[in-house]
Structure formats: structure tokens, C-alpha cells
Amino acid sequence: MNIVYFFSSVNKLSLIAFLITLGFLLYEIILLKKERVLKTKPKIPKFKETLNSPIAQSNSLIVEKEIKVTKANNLIILILLVLLLIFGILSFFGFANYNKKELKTVISPTPVIDFITSKGIKIFNENFQPIADKDIDQIKPGEDIVIGVETINNTDINRARIRVNTTSWQNKDITTDFYPKDKIYYIKYKVASDESRLKIEAQLHSVADGWLSD
């Protein structure tokens, strides 16, 4: 089981339990207030002339019953307060851990760009504005960039392949997208948040000779 998913689920459950407990607590407090209001109202006893049920005995029974109800309500409120405190602490620590994870994502290391055995590689921003060599180390995780390889003039080059952080060529590395202004075949690439280094390799394809430098 994914531990991040587990803790996020626990945090959601504790927050829901906190809100439910708070609702029950408010409900019990309202009931307690209503009971206290009713107790302050004068009660006019109904007298029955029976020898077996004296008035004093009837009144004492009523008072005893009211005391038991009040004690029960106080116990429920105490239990709800304890639960409210527990779920509140769980929710607080859950949100604190979530904020720490977000902070770690924000301060991810800036990736280092490496060009491996390839000439003519160029890096652009998403608007095809060239990124100077001195600014390449300013590329941030999550940023969209364009990686291009310069073609050779007056040749039969018809496509290119570009790979990033892999050691073998795959079909998805092949591109026929061409930007005539800079005479490059290119791919669009999003820098992942966990990438601290970009190893880029590119090859041009000749109709007559196949992949160059193979």
C-alpha cells in the first residue's frame, strides 16, 4: 500500500470524525441548555388524595430522576470533548505533514543538463526562445522546454530521434517535428520534479545512410 495515500486517507478520516464529533457535541450542549431551562420553570404538582403515594415522596422521585439525566448528559459531553481533542490533534498533524511534503516539492534541486555524445543540441523555452548556456542551470522542475537537434544543410536528413535519461532508443524518441527558423528537429519535454539531471542524446536520420553515428 502506498504510504502517502495511507496517511492522506487517515487525515481525511480524522477530519471527518472531528466534524461529526463537533456536531454531536453542539447537539448535546443544546439539549443540556434546554433541560436547564425546563428545570428553572416552576412545576405545579397534581395532588391525588391517596394514602399510599404521599406528595413528598412523589416530589423526591422527580428530583432524583432529573439529577440522573443531568449526570448522563455531562458524561456524554465529556466523552465527546475527549474525542474532539483526539481527532483535532490527528487532523493538525496530518495537515502539518502535508505542508512539509509540499515544501519538499518546492525546494527540489535544479536539474543539471548533460549533453551525451551529441552535437548540435539546443534548448529552448516553450515559446522557442533559445536558452543560453549560462542560463541552462536555471531550468526548474515542472518547466516545459523544447529540446532540438540541428540538421545538416544540403543533405537528405528527414527526421531525428532524441532521448532523455534513457540508455536505449525507442520508437517514441523519433520525431519529424521541424522548426525551420532554427533548422532543428525537436521534441517538447516537461522536466519532472524528481529529476536532478537531464542526460540528452540526439541523432539525425539520413534517407540513404540511416541513423548517423550508429
Protein backbone atom coordinates (compact mmCIF):
# COMPACT_ATOMS: atom_id res chain seq x y z
CA MET A 1 0.00 0.00 0.00
CA ASN A 2 1.26 3.50 -0.85
CA ILE A 3 2.23 5.11 2.46
CA VAL A 4 1.46 8.62 1.17
CA TYR A 5 -2.05 7.51 0.19
CA PHE A 6 -2.49 5.83 3.59
CA PHE A 7 -1.59 8.93 5.59
CA SER A 8 -3.69 11.21 3.38
CA SER A 9 -6.67 8.86 3.90
CA VAL A 10 -6.13 8.84 7.68
CA ASN A 11 -6.01 12.62 7.66
CA LYS A 12 -9.31 12.85 5.75
CA LEU A 13 -10.99 10.35 8.08
CA SER A 14 -9.78 12.19 11.19
CA LEU A 15 -11.08 15.48 9.80
CA ILE A 16 -14.50 13.95 9.04
CA ALA A 17 -14.61 12.36 12.51
CA PHE A 18 -13.65 15.72 14.04
CA LEU A 19 -16.55 17.48 12.31
CA ILE A 20 -19.05 14.74 13.21
CA THR A 21 -17.94 14.78 16.85
CA LEU A 22 -18.20 18.56 16.92
CA GLY A 23 -21.76 18.31 15.60
CA PHE A 24 -22.75 15.81 18.30
CA LEU A 25 -21.12 17.97 20.96
CA LEU A 26 -23.07 21.05 19.90
CA TYR A 27 -26.25 18.98 19.82
CA GLU A 28 -25.67 17.71 23.38
CA ILE A 29 -24.91 21.23 24.64
CA ILE A 30 -28.17 22.50 23.13
CA LEU A 31 -30.10 19.65 24.78
CA LEU A 32 -28.43 20.39 28.12
CA LYS A 33 -29.39 24.05 27.90
CA LYS A 34 -32.99 23.13 27.11
CA GLU A 35 -33.11 20.82 30.13
CA ARG A 36 -31.76 23.54 32.39
CA VAL A 37 -34.39 25.97 31.13
CA LEU A 38 -37.11 23.42 31.82
CA LYS A 39 -35.76 22.81 35.33
CA THR A 40 -35.95 26.51 36.18
CA LYS A 41 -39.65 26.64 35.34
CA PRO A 42 -41.89 26.06 38.37
CA LYS A 43 -43.74 22.77 38.37
CA ILE A 44 -47.19 22.63 39.89
CA PRO A 45 -47.73 19.16 41.25
CA LYS A 46 -51.03 17.39 40.70
CA PHE A 47 -52.32 16.33 44.07
CA LYS A 48 -54.06 13.00 44.43
CA GLU A 49 -55.60 12.08 47.65
CA THR A 50 -54.13 8.65 48.04
CA LEU A 51 -52.73 7.27 51.22
CA ASN A 52 -50.09 5.13 49.50
CA SER A 53 -48.42 7.97 47.47
CA PRO A 54 -47.56 10.94 49.65
CA ILE A 55 -46.76 14.26 47.94
CA ALA A 56 -43.27 14.43 49.46
CA GLN A 57 -42.38 11.01 48.06
CA SER A 58 -43.57 11.96 44.55
CA ASN A 59 -41.55 15.17 44.56
CA SER A 60 -38.38 13.39 45.68
CA LEU A 61 -38.71 10.87 42.87
CA ILE A 62 -38.97 13.67 40.28
CA VAL A 63 -35.88 15.42 41.62
CA GLU A 64 -33.86 12.19 41.66
CA LYS A 65 -34.74 11.45 38.04
CA GLU A 66 -33.67 14.94 36.92
CA ILE A 67 -30.28 14.58 38.61
CA LYS A 68 -29.58 11.28 36.81
CA VAL A 69 -30.39 12.76 33.39
CA THR A 70 -28.10 15.72 34.02
CA LYS A 71 -25.23 13.45 35.05
CA ALA A 72 -25.70 11.31 31.94
CA ASN A 73 -25.58 14.39 29.70
CA ASN A 74 -22.41 15.61 31.41
CA LEU A 75 -20.73 12.23 30.82
CA ILE A 76 -21.65 12.26 27.12
CA ILE A 77 -20.30 15.79 26.72
CA LEU A 78 -17.05 14.80 28.45
CA ILE A 79 -16.60 11.81 26.12
CA LEU A 80 -17.30 13.97 23.07
CA LEU A 81 -14.78 16.57 24.25
CA VAL A 82 -12.09 13.89 24.56
CA LEU A 83 -12.87 12.53 21.08
CA LEU A 84 -12.90 16.06 19.69
CA LEU A 85 -9.44 16.67 21.14
CA ILE A 86 -8.06 13.40 19.72
CA PHE A 87 -9.42 13.94 16.21
CA GLY A 88 -8.34 17.58 16.30
CA ILE A 89 -4.74 16.57 17.09
CA LEU A 90 -4.76 13.92 14.32
CA SER A 91 -6.07 16.45 11.79
CA PHE A 92 -3.47 19.04 12.84
CA PHE A 93 -0.53 16.67 12.44
CA GLY A 94 -1.94 15.37 9.16
CA PHE A 95 -2.08 18.87 7.66
CA ALA A 96 1.38 19.65 9.07
CA ASN A 97 2.85 16.59 7.31
CA TYR A 98 1.07 17.54 4.07
CA ASN A 99 2.57 21.05 4.18
CA LYS A 100 6.05 19.58 4.74
CA LYS A 101 5.64 17.36 1.65
CA GLU A 102 4.59 20.38 -0.42
CA LEU A 103 7.63 22.31 0.83
CA LYS A 104 9.93 19.44 -0.15
CA THR A 105 8.44 19.51 -3.66
CA VAL A 106 9.02 23.26 -3.96
CA ILE A 107 12.69 23.03 -2.99
CA SER A 108 13.53 20.20 -5.42
CA PRO A 109 17.09 20.52 -6.74
CA THR A 110 17.64 22.31 -10.04
CA PRO A 111 18.39 19.74 -12.77
CA VAL A 112 21.81 19.64 -14.40
CA ILE A 113 21.81 19.45 -18.21
CA ASP A 114 24.24 16.95 -19.77
CA PHE A 115 24.80 16.52 -23.50
CA ILE A 116 25.95 12.96 -24.18
CA THR A 117 27.94 12.23 -27.39
CA SER A 118 25.68 14.52 -29.41
CA LYS A 119 26.45 17.67 -31.34
CA GLY A 120 24.04 20.37 -32.36
CA ILE A 121 21.65 20.01 -29.40
CA LYS A 122 19.82 23.21 -28.48
CA ILE A 123 17.48 24.01 -25.59
CA PHE A 124 14.54 26.42 -25.93
CA ASN A 125 11.73 27.57 -23.69
CA GLU A 126 8.18 26.64 -24.65
CA ASN A 127 7.99 29.74 -26.92
CA PHE A 128 11.04 28.60 -28.92
CA GLN A 129 13.27 31.27 -27.43
CA PRO A 130 16.82 29.88 -27.07
CA ILE A 131 18.10 29.30 -23.53
CA ALA A 132 21.72 30.43 -23.28
CA ASP A 133 24.31 28.01 -21.93
CA LYS A 134 24.82 30.19 -18.86
CA ASP A 135 21.07 30.03 -18.10
CA ILE A 136 20.57 26.29 -18.59
CA ASP A 137 21.18 25.61 -14.89
CA GLN A 138 18.21 27.87 -14.09
CA ILE A 139 15.71 25.38 -15.55
CA LYS A 140 13.26 24.39 -12.80
CA PRO A 141 11.40 21.11 -12.16
CA GLY A 142 7.95 21.20 -13.76
CA GLU A 143 9.10 23.57 -16.51
CA ASP A 144 8.22 22.88 -20.16
CA ILE A 145 11.18 23.05 -22.53
CA VAL A 146 11.91 22.29 -26.18
CA ILE A 147 14.89 20.07 -27.00
CA GLY A 148 16.13 20.30 -30.57
CA VAL A 149 18.94 18.93 -32.71
CA GLU A 150 20.30 20.99 -35.58
CA THR A 151 20.01 19.45 -39.03
CA ILE A 152 22.73 19.38 -41.71
CA ASN A 153 22.26 21.60 -44.75
CA ASN A 154 22.07 20.17 -48.27
CA THR A 155 21.57 16.58 -47.10
CA ASP A 156 18.77 14.01 -47.16
CA ILE A 157 18.01 14.27 -43.41
CA ASN A 158 14.31 13.52 -42.90
CA ARG A 159 13.91 13.04 -39.14
CA ALA A 160 15.70 12.80 -35.79
CA ARG A 161 15.49 10.98 -32.52
CA ILE A 162 16.06 12.50 -29.09
CA ARG A 163 16.16 10.67 -25.79
CA VAL A 164 16.30 12.00 -22.22
CA ASN A 165 17.54 10.00 -19.22
CA THR A 166 17.33 6.66 -21.04
CA THR A 167 20.03 4.28 -22.27
CA SER A 168 18.34 2.71 -25.31
CA TRP A 169 16.50 4.09 -28.31
CA GLN A 170 12.73 3.61 -28.56
CA ASN A 171 10.16 4.42 -31.23
CA LYS A 172 8.73 7.24 -29.12
CA ASP A 173 12.12 9.04 -29.35
CA ILE A 174 11.69 9.58 -33.10
CA THR A 175 10.39 12.98 -34.21
CA THR A 176 9.62 14.59 -37.55
CA ASP A 177 8.64 17.93 -35.99
CA PHE A 178 10.77 20.60 -37.63
CA TYR A 179 11.29 24.25 -36.71
CA PRO A 180 12.58 25.97 -39.88
CA LYS A 181 13.72 29.21 -38.24
CA ASP A 182 16.46 27.42 -36.28
CA LYS A 183 16.62 24.40 -38.61
CA ILE A 184 16.05 21.86 -35.84
CA TYR A 185 14.11 18.69 -35.31
CA TYR A 186 12.63 18.92 -31.85
CA ILE A 187 10.58 17.39 -29.04
CA LYS A 188 8.69 19.06 -26.21
CA TYR A 189 9.72 17.89 -22.76
CA LYS A 190 8.43 18.56 -19.23
CA VAL A 191 11.12 18.43 -16.55
CA ALA A 192 9.92 16.08 -13.80
CA SER A 193 10.03 17.18 -10.16
CA ASP A 194 12.29 14.25 -9.21
CA GLU A 195 14.85 14.78 -11.99
CA SER A 196 18.14 16.22 -10.77
CA ARG A 197 19.98 15.56 -14.04
CA LEU A 198 18.96 15.54 -17.72
CA LYS A 199 21.08 13.34 -19.97
CA ILE A 200 20.22 14.23 -23.55
CA GLU A 201 21.31 12.38 -26.68
CA ALA A 202 20.20 13.03 -30.25
CA GLN A 203 20.75 11.54 -33.71
CA LEU A 204 19.80 12.59 -37.23
CA HIS A 205 18.43 10.17 -39.81
CA SER A 206 19.58 10.09 -43.42
CA VAL A 207 17.44 8.55 -46.12
CA ALA A 208 20.50 6.95 -47.68
CA ASP A 209 22.64 6.12 -44.66
CA GLY A 210 20.13 5.58 -41.83
CA TRP A 211 20.86 6.83 -38.32
CA LEU A 212 24.06 8.81 -38.33
CA SER A 213 26.82 7.87 -35.86
CA ASP A 214 25.35 4.37 -35.36
